Protein backbone atom coordinates (compact mmCIF):
# COMPACT_ATOMS: atom_id res chain seq x y z
CA MET A 1 39.50 -42.61 -24.79
CA LYS A 2 35.92 -42.70 -23.27
CA LYS A 3 37.34 -42.63 -19.51
CA LEU A 4 39.40 -39.64 -20.66
CA PHE A 5 36.47 -37.76 -22.26
CA VAL A 6 34.20 -38.41 -19.19
CA LEU A 7 36.95 -37.18 -16.74
CA LEU A 8 37.44 -34.00 -18.88
CA THR A 9 33.75 -33.50 -18.81
CA ILE A 10 33.51 -33.62 -14.99
CA PHE A 11 36.46 -31.44 -14.63
CA ALA A 12 34.89 -28.90 -16.91
CA VAL A 13 31.66 -28.96 -14.98
CA LEU A 14 33.47 -28.61 -11.51
CA LEU A 15 35.36 -25.51 -13.19
CA VAL A 16 32.05 -23.76 -14.22
CA GLY A 17 30.41 -24.46 -10.98
CA CYS A 18 33.35 -22.82 -9.13
CA GLY A 19 33.38 -19.85 -11.42
CA SER A 20 29.54 -19.39 -11.16
CA LYS A 21 30.02 -19.60 -7.21
CA GLU A 22 32.92 -16.97 -7.37
CA THR A 23 30.86 -14.61 -9.90
CA GLN A 24 27.92 -14.76 -7.28
CA GLN A 25 30.23 -14.01 -4.44
CA GLN A 26 31.75 -10.92 -6.33
CA ALA A 27 28.30 -9.85 -7.10
CA SER A 28 27.37 -10.05 -3.37
CA ASP A 29 30.78 -8.19 -2.62
CA ASN A 30 29.91 -5.53 -5.01
CA GLY A 31 26.51 -4.90 -3.71
CA THR A 32 24.87 -6.04 -7.22
CA SER A 33 22.79 -8.88 -5.83
CA ASP A 34 19.22 -8.32 -5.90
CA GLU A 35 18.07 -6.94 -2.49
CA LYS A 36 14.52 -6.44 -1.44
CA LYS A 37 13.79 -2.79 -1.77
CA SER A 38 12.19 -0.97 1.42
CA ARG A 39 8.62 -0.11 0.71
CA ILE A 40 7.43 3.20 2.14
CA ALA A 41 3.82 4.49 1.98
CA LEU A 42 3.07 8.21 2.57
CA VAL A 43 -0.65 8.67 3.51
CA LEU A 44 -1.38 12.46 3.21
CA PRO A 45 -4.73 13.65 5.15
CA GLU A 46 -5.83 15.79 2.12
CA LYS A 47 -5.25 15.87 -1.64
CA ILE A 48 -1.97 17.41 -2.91
CA GLY A 49 -2.28 20.92 -4.50
CA VAL A 50 -4.53 22.55 -1.62
CA ASN A 51 -1.78 23.17 1.04
CA PRO A 52 1.85 23.56 0.18
CA PHE A 53 2.62 21.97 3.68
CA PHE A 54 1.72 18.58 2.10
CA GLN A 55 3.29 19.14 -1.42
CA GLN A 56 6.55 19.81 0.17
CA MET A 57 6.26 16.61 2.25
CA ASP A 58 5.39 14.66 -0.81
CA ASP A 59 8.76 16.32 -2.52
CA GLY A 60 10.79 15.48 0.09
CA ALA A 61 9.78 11.83 0.24
CA LYS A 62 10.24 11.28 -3.30
CA LYS A 63 13.73 12.88 -3.28
CA ALA A 64 14.73 10.37 -0.30
CA ALA A 65 13.07 7.45 -2.20
CA ASP A 66 15.40 8.16 -5.40
CA GLU A 67 18.58 8.70 -3.38
CA PHE A 68 18.08 5.73 -1.02
CA GLY A 69 16.47 3.29 -3.52
CA VAL A 70 13.42 2.57 -1.73
CA GLU A 71 9.89 2.06 -3.18
CA LEU A 72 7.43 4.97 -2.34
CA LYS A 73 3.80 5.31 -2.92
CA THR A 74 1.88 8.39 -1.86
CA ILE A 75 -1.76 7.98 -0.84
CA GLU A 76 -3.89 11.15 -0.92
CA SER A 77 -6.94 11.20 1.14
CA ALA A 78 -10.16 12.76 -0.31
CA ASP A 79 -11.13 13.96 3.16
CA HIS A 80 -9.98 13.43 6.75
CA SER A 81 -12.81 10.54 7.21
CA ALA A 82 -10.52 8.62 4.56
CA ILE A 83 -7.39 8.59 6.52
CA GLU A 84 -7.83 5.68 8.67
CA GLU A 85 -8.99 3.66 5.52
CA ASN A 86 -5.79 4.60 3.75
CA LEU A 87 -3.75 3.63 6.61
CA ARG A 88 -5.30 0.39 6.69
CA VAL A 89 -4.81 -0.17 3.14
CA ALA A 90 -1.25 0.60 3.28
CA VAL A 91 -0.93 -2.15 5.98
CA ALA A 92 -2.68 -4.66 3.98
CA GLU A 93 -0.27 -3.91 0.94
CA GLY A 94 2.66 -4.69 3.27
CA TYR A 95 4.40 -1.45 3.46
CA ASP A 96 7.53 -1.53 5.94
CA LEU A 97 6.99 1.91 6.93
CA ILE A 98 3.85 4.03 6.84
CA ILE A 99 4.16 7.84 7.08
CA THR A 100 1.26 10.21 7.87
CA SER A 101 0.70 13.65 9.06
CA SER A 102 -0.93 16.41 11.19
CA PHE A 103 -3.30 16.03 13.99
CA GLU A 104 -6.28 15.14 11.64
CA ALA A 105 -4.49 11.82 11.47
CA GLU A 106 -3.84 11.14 15.27
CA ASP A 107 -6.96 9.15 16.10
CA ALA A 108 -6.80 6.98 12.94
CA LEU A 109 -3.07 6.24 13.41
CA LYS A 110 -3.59 5.45 17.04
CA LYS A 111 -6.10 2.77 16.13
CA VAL A 112 -4.32 1.15 13.15
CA ALA A 113 -0.65 1.31 14.85
CA THR A 114 -2.09 -0.03 18.10
CA GLU A 115 -3.70 -3.03 15.96
CA ASN A 116 -0.40 -3.65 14.12
CA PRO A 117 2.41 -3.50 16.59
CA ASP A 118 4.71 -5.27 14.26
CA ARG A 119 4.57 -2.46 11.77
CA GLN A 120 6.59 0.78 11.74
CA PHE A 121 4.91 4.26 11.46
CA ALA A 122 5.68 7.95 11.50
CA ILE A 123 3.64 10.94 11.82
CA ILE A 124 4.91 14.33 11.12
CA ASP A 125 3.76 17.55 12.72
CA THR A 126 2.20 15.99 15.83
CA THR A 127 2.70 13.32 18.47
CA VAL A 128 1.36 9.74 19.05
CA ASP A 129 3.04 8.24 21.80
CA LEU A 130 3.01 4.42 20.79
CA PRO A 131 6.22 2.04 20.70
CA ASN A 132 5.82 1.58 17.15
CA VAL A 133 5.60 5.36 15.97
CA GLN A 134 8.04 8.01 15.36
CA SER A 135 6.52 11.61 16.04
CA VAL A 136 8.22 14.19 14.11
CA ASN A 137 7.57 17.56 15.47
CA PHE A 138 8.85 21.11 14.87
CA ARG A 139 9.77 24.00 17.17
CA GLU A 140 7.62 26.52 15.25
CA HIS A 141 7.67 28.77 18.27
CA GLU A 142 11.39 29.66 17.52
CA ALA A 143 10.44 30.76 13.99
CA ALA A 144 7.22 32.52 15.19
CA TYR A 145 9.37 34.56 17.83
CA LEU A 146 11.53 35.78 15.01
CA LEU A 147 8.42 36.80 12.81
CA GLY A 148 7.09 38.70 15.76
CA ALA A 149 10.31 40.44 16.30
CA ALA A 150 10.57 41.63 12.76
CA ALA A 151 6.89 42.74 12.99
CA GLY A 152 7.65 44.75 16.20
CA LEU A 153 10.70 46.40 14.32
CA ALA A 154 8.78 47.23 11.24
CA THR A 155 5.17 48.34 12.29
CA LYS A 156 4.35 52.07 11.96
CA THR A 157 1.15 52.07 13.62
CA ASP A 158 2.28 49.78 16.71
CA LYS A 159 -0.67 47.62 15.78
CA VAL A 160 -0.14 44.13 14.66
CA GLY A 161 -2.27 41.20 13.99
CA MET A 162 -2.42 37.45 13.33
CA VAL A 163 -5.25 35.48 11.67
CA ALA A 164 -4.99 31.86 13.03
CA ALA A 165 -6.78 28.81 12.05
CA MET A 166 -8.06 27.57 15.28
CA ASP A 167 -8.04 28.37 18.93
CA ILE A 168 -6.44 25.09 19.91
CA PRO A 169 -3.37 24.29 22.17
CA LEU A 170 -1.22 23.49 19.18
CA LEU A 171 -1.52 26.97 17.56
CA LYS A 172 -0.20 28.79 20.68
CA LYS A 173 3.32 27.79 19.37
CA TRP A 174 2.54 30.27 16.70
CA THR A 175 0.31 32.84 18.72
CA VAL A 176 1.90 33.18 22.00
CA ALA A 177 5.57 32.92 20.59
CA PHE A 178 4.85 35.53 18.02
CA GLU A 179 3.37 37.97 20.66
CA GLN A 180 6.56 37.36 22.65
CA GLY A 181 8.85 38.09 19.97
CA LEU A 182 6.81 41.38 18.90
CA LYS A 183 7.11 42.58 22.66
CA SER A 184 10.80 41.78 22.69
CA THR A 185 11.34 44.57 20.02
CA ASN A 186 8.43 46.82 20.42
CA ALA A 187 7.02 46.75 23.98
CA ASP A 188 4.24 49.38 22.88
CA ALA A 189 2.86 47.23 20.12
CA GLU A 190 -0.68 45.93 20.41
CA PHE A 191 -1.38 42.32 19.33
CA LEU A 192 -4.55 41.40 17.62
CA VAL A 193 -5.47 37.86 16.97
CA ASN A 194 -8.42 36.35 15.62
CA TYR A 195 -9.24 32.59 14.87
CA VAL A 196 -11.03 31.25 11.58
CA GLY A 197 -12.37 28.11 13.20
CA GLY A 198 -10.78 25.83 10.53
CA PHE A 199 -7.84 25.54 8.16
CA THR A 200 -9.63 25.86 4.78
CA ASP A 201 -11.56 29.24 4.98
CA PRO A 202 -9.97 31.80 2.97
CA ALA A 203 -13.21 33.85 2.97
CA LYS A 204 -13.45 33.84 6.84
CA ALA A 205 -9.79 34.43 7.24
CA LYS A 206 -10.03 37.43 4.74
CA GLU A 207 -12.95 38.88 6.66
CA LEU A 208 -10.89 38.69 9.97
CA ALA A 209 -7.95 40.37 8.37
CA LEU A 210 -9.98 43.17 7.16
CA LEU A 211 -11.38 43.64 10.58
CA GLN A 212 -7.82 43.99 12.12
CA ALA A 213 -7.05 46.37 9.30
CA SER A 214 -9.85 48.55 10.24
CA LYS A 215 -8.34 48.60 13.81
CA GLY A 216 -5.15 50.08 12.43
CA ALA A 217 -2.94 46.97 12.06
CA ASP A 218 -0.34 47.65 9.30
CA PHE A 219 1.22 44.09 9.59
CA ILE A 220 -1.06 41.06 9.76
CA ALA A 221 0.59 37.51 9.88
CA GLY A 222 -1.35 34.41 8.44
CA ALA A 223 -1.45 31.10 10.46
CA ALA A 224 -4.45 29.76 8.97
CA ALA A 225 -3.06 27.22 6.31
CA VAL A 226 -5.32 27.55 3.25
CA GLY A 227 -6.95 30.58 4.94
CA ASP A 228 -3.92 32.49 4.38
CA LEU A 229 -4.82 33.06 0.76
CA GLY A 230 -7.83 35.22 2.21
CA VAL A 231 -5.13 37.24 4.34
CA PHE A 232 -3.24 37.77 1.28
CA GLU A 233 -6.37 39.29 -0.72
CA ALA A 234 -7.16 41.29 2.16
CA ALA A 235 -3.35 42.76 2.04
CA LYS A 236 -3.56 43.46 -1.70
CA GLU A 237 -6.93 45.28 -1.24
CA LYS A 238 -6.16 47.31 1.70
CA GLY A 239 -2.45 47.85 1.35
CA PHE A 240 -1.21 46.25 4.53
CA TYR A 241 1.61 44.03 4.96
CA THR A 242 1.43 40.32 5.73
CA ALA A 243 3.44 36.97 5.99
CA GLY A 244 2.97 33.47 4.64
CA GLN A 245 3.68 30.22 6.12
CA ASP A 246 5.63 26.98 5.68
CA ILE A 247 7.10 28.06 2.27
CA ASP A 248 8.48 31.30 0.71
CA ARG A 249 5.21 32.90 -0.15
CA THR A 250 6.90 36.38 -1.00
CA GLU A 251 6.98 35.59 -4.60
CA VAL A 252 3.20 35.50 -4.71
CA ASP A 253 2.85 39.21 -4.03
CA PRO A 254 6.16 40.98 -3.05
CA GLU A 255 4.39 44.40 -2.61
CA HIS A 256 2.44 42.98 0.43
CA ILE A 257 3.67 39.54 1.51
CA VAL A 258 7.15 40.65 2.83
CA LEU A 259 8.00 37.82 5.10
CA SER A 260 7.54 34.02 5.33
CA GLN A 261 7.67 31.73 8.60
CA LEU A 262 9.18 28.49 7.08
CA LYS A 263 8.95 24.87 8.18
CA GLY A 264 10.70 22.12 6.44
CA THR A 265 8.30 19.49 5.92
CA ASP A 266 10.10 18.37 2.97
CA ALA A 267 13.27 17.66 5.17
CA ALA A 268 11.10 15.97 7.82
CA SER A 269 9.82 13.32 5.33
CA TYR A 270 13.24 13.19 3.66
CA GLU A 271 15.07 12.60 7.07
CA THR A 272 12.68 9.93 8.07
CA ILE A 273 12.77 8.01 4.92
CA LYS A 274 16.57 8.23 5.24
CA ALA A 275 16.77 7.14 8.65
CA PHE A 276 14.71 4.09 7.81
CA ALA A 277 16.94 3.07 4.64
CA GLU A 278 20.13 3.61 6.98
CA GLY A 279 18.57 1.41 9.73
CA THR A 280 18.57 4.23 12.47
CA PHE A 281 14.87 4.74 12.52
CA LYS A 282 13.21 4.49 15.98
CA ALA A 283 10.15 5.23 17.72
CA GLY A 284 9.86 8.18 19.93
CA VAL A 285 9.96 11.99 19.35
CA VAL A 286 12.12 13.86 16.95
CA GLU A 287 12.19 17.51 16.77
CA TYR A 288 13.29 20.11 14.04
CA GLY A 289 14.19 23.63 15.14
CA LEU A 290 16.29 26.67 13.92
CA LYS A 291 19.34 24.54 15.07
CA GLU A 292 18.50 21.56 12.55
CA ASN A 293 17.33 24.15 9.84
CA GLY A 294 13.87 22.67 10.22
CA VAL A 295 12.07 26.18 10.70
CA GLY A 296 12.98 29.65 9.81
CA LEU A 297 12.17 32.84 8.45
CA THR A 298 12.91 34.43 4.93
CA TYR A 299 16.01 36.90 4.84
CA VAL A 300 16.92 35.80 8.41
CA THR A 301 17.72 31.90 8.07
CA HIS A 302 16.91 31.40 4.40
CA ASP A 303 17.68 33.52 1.35
CA SER A 304 14.75 34.69 -0.98
CA LYS A 305 14.56 35.39 -4.66
CA THR A 306 12.22 38.45 -3.69
CA PRO A 307 14.03 41.51 -2.77
CA LEU A 308 13.57 42.86 0.72
CA ASN A 309 10.36 44.81 0.79
CA ALA A 310 10.85 48.66 1.86
CA PHE A 311 8.48 48.04 4.84
CA LEU A 312 11.58 46.34 6.18
CA SER A 313 15.24 47.35 6.16
CA GLN A 314 18.37 45.41 6.25
CA GLU A 315 19.21 46.93 9.40
CA MET A 316 15.86 45.20 11.06
CA ILE A 317 16.82 41.99 9.43
CA ASP A 318 20.36 42.27 10.93
CA GLN A 319 18.64 42.80 14.35
CA VAL A 320 16.47 39.63 13.88
CA ILE A 321 19.49 37.72 12.78
CA ALA A 322 21.28 38.63 15.81
CA ILE A 323 18.07 37.42 17.84
CA LYS A 324 18.40 34.03 15.87
CA ASP A 325 22.02 33.84 16.91
CA GLU A 326 21.04 34.22 20.40
CA ILE A 327 18.61 31.38 20.18
CA LEU A 328 21.17 28.98 18.42
CA ALA A 329 23.92 30.01 21.08
CA GLY A 330 21.43 29.16 24.08
CA THR A 331 21.58 32.75 25.59
CA LEU A 332 17.94 33.17 24.63
CA GLU A 333 15.35 30.48 25.22
CA VAL A 334 12.02 30.75 23.53
CA PRO A 335 9.77 28.48 25.78
CA ASN A 336 7.57 25.98 24.11
CA PRO A 337 3.86 27.22 24.91
CA LEU A 338 2.69 23.63 24.96
CA ALA A 339 5.28 22.73 27.67
CA GLN A 340 4.11 25.37 29.99
């Protein structure tokens, strides 16, 4: 009897062991086994809430983290001098992918990425040429061309302005392409451009916008980041028309902000995280333009909750849509000023 009991006990243990292995295999087959989550850090060059450019980026990153099951940490820099330190913190904390943004982070990323060749990095809105860095850029010149074309059709004074952040090569994608679009629809239009000297000075931007208005400009585009707020104030005071950047700003003051040049930084961070999660992420340059829906213009490529301002007409918008279609078809090329 004892022998029979021992045999039965051994048989039961074997059955339990087999069942355990089978259950583990089923769990693995069903994708329910615990797998290590990818850990991604988003290192922003400034605090969220100042520039919607970075708010969008954080929003897109959070959306991707939720959808693709990755762990995300957003690290905000108190000022540009803190960027390098924050990148090093992300490395020390063992993040698998570290994303940062803008030319303010270029030098810091070059140092940190060079010192950590086994770590993957991405930078949005500029280029860092290293074998472990993906550079995500935009063809802003395509959208700036459309904005200029719209301004050329709408202006009543044939004087159109732009208040840009700084006189640097990068900003030529806005100023040069805008003027080209302006001249394409209105050869007689005069283009006025002034530079603030920085990205966070609304007072100076307002002063320059008022200067352009005094010279007869009835449309003055903002391309000065936070400085655009000063251009908007000037437009409200003097009654000229203006345009925002990156997100749809027409809702802020529909009477004066009549267009917005759009840039999908949320799409850039989303797609970067998606590629990493799906195993398709690689170093090199990735670009987003009109074709990829990475840049655009309100009413032309994207709908707006704000009704079209009377300064513009649907006929004008239709003309700009036709120009957009030519760019997409390849029959009209908007050259990148940085490549010339």
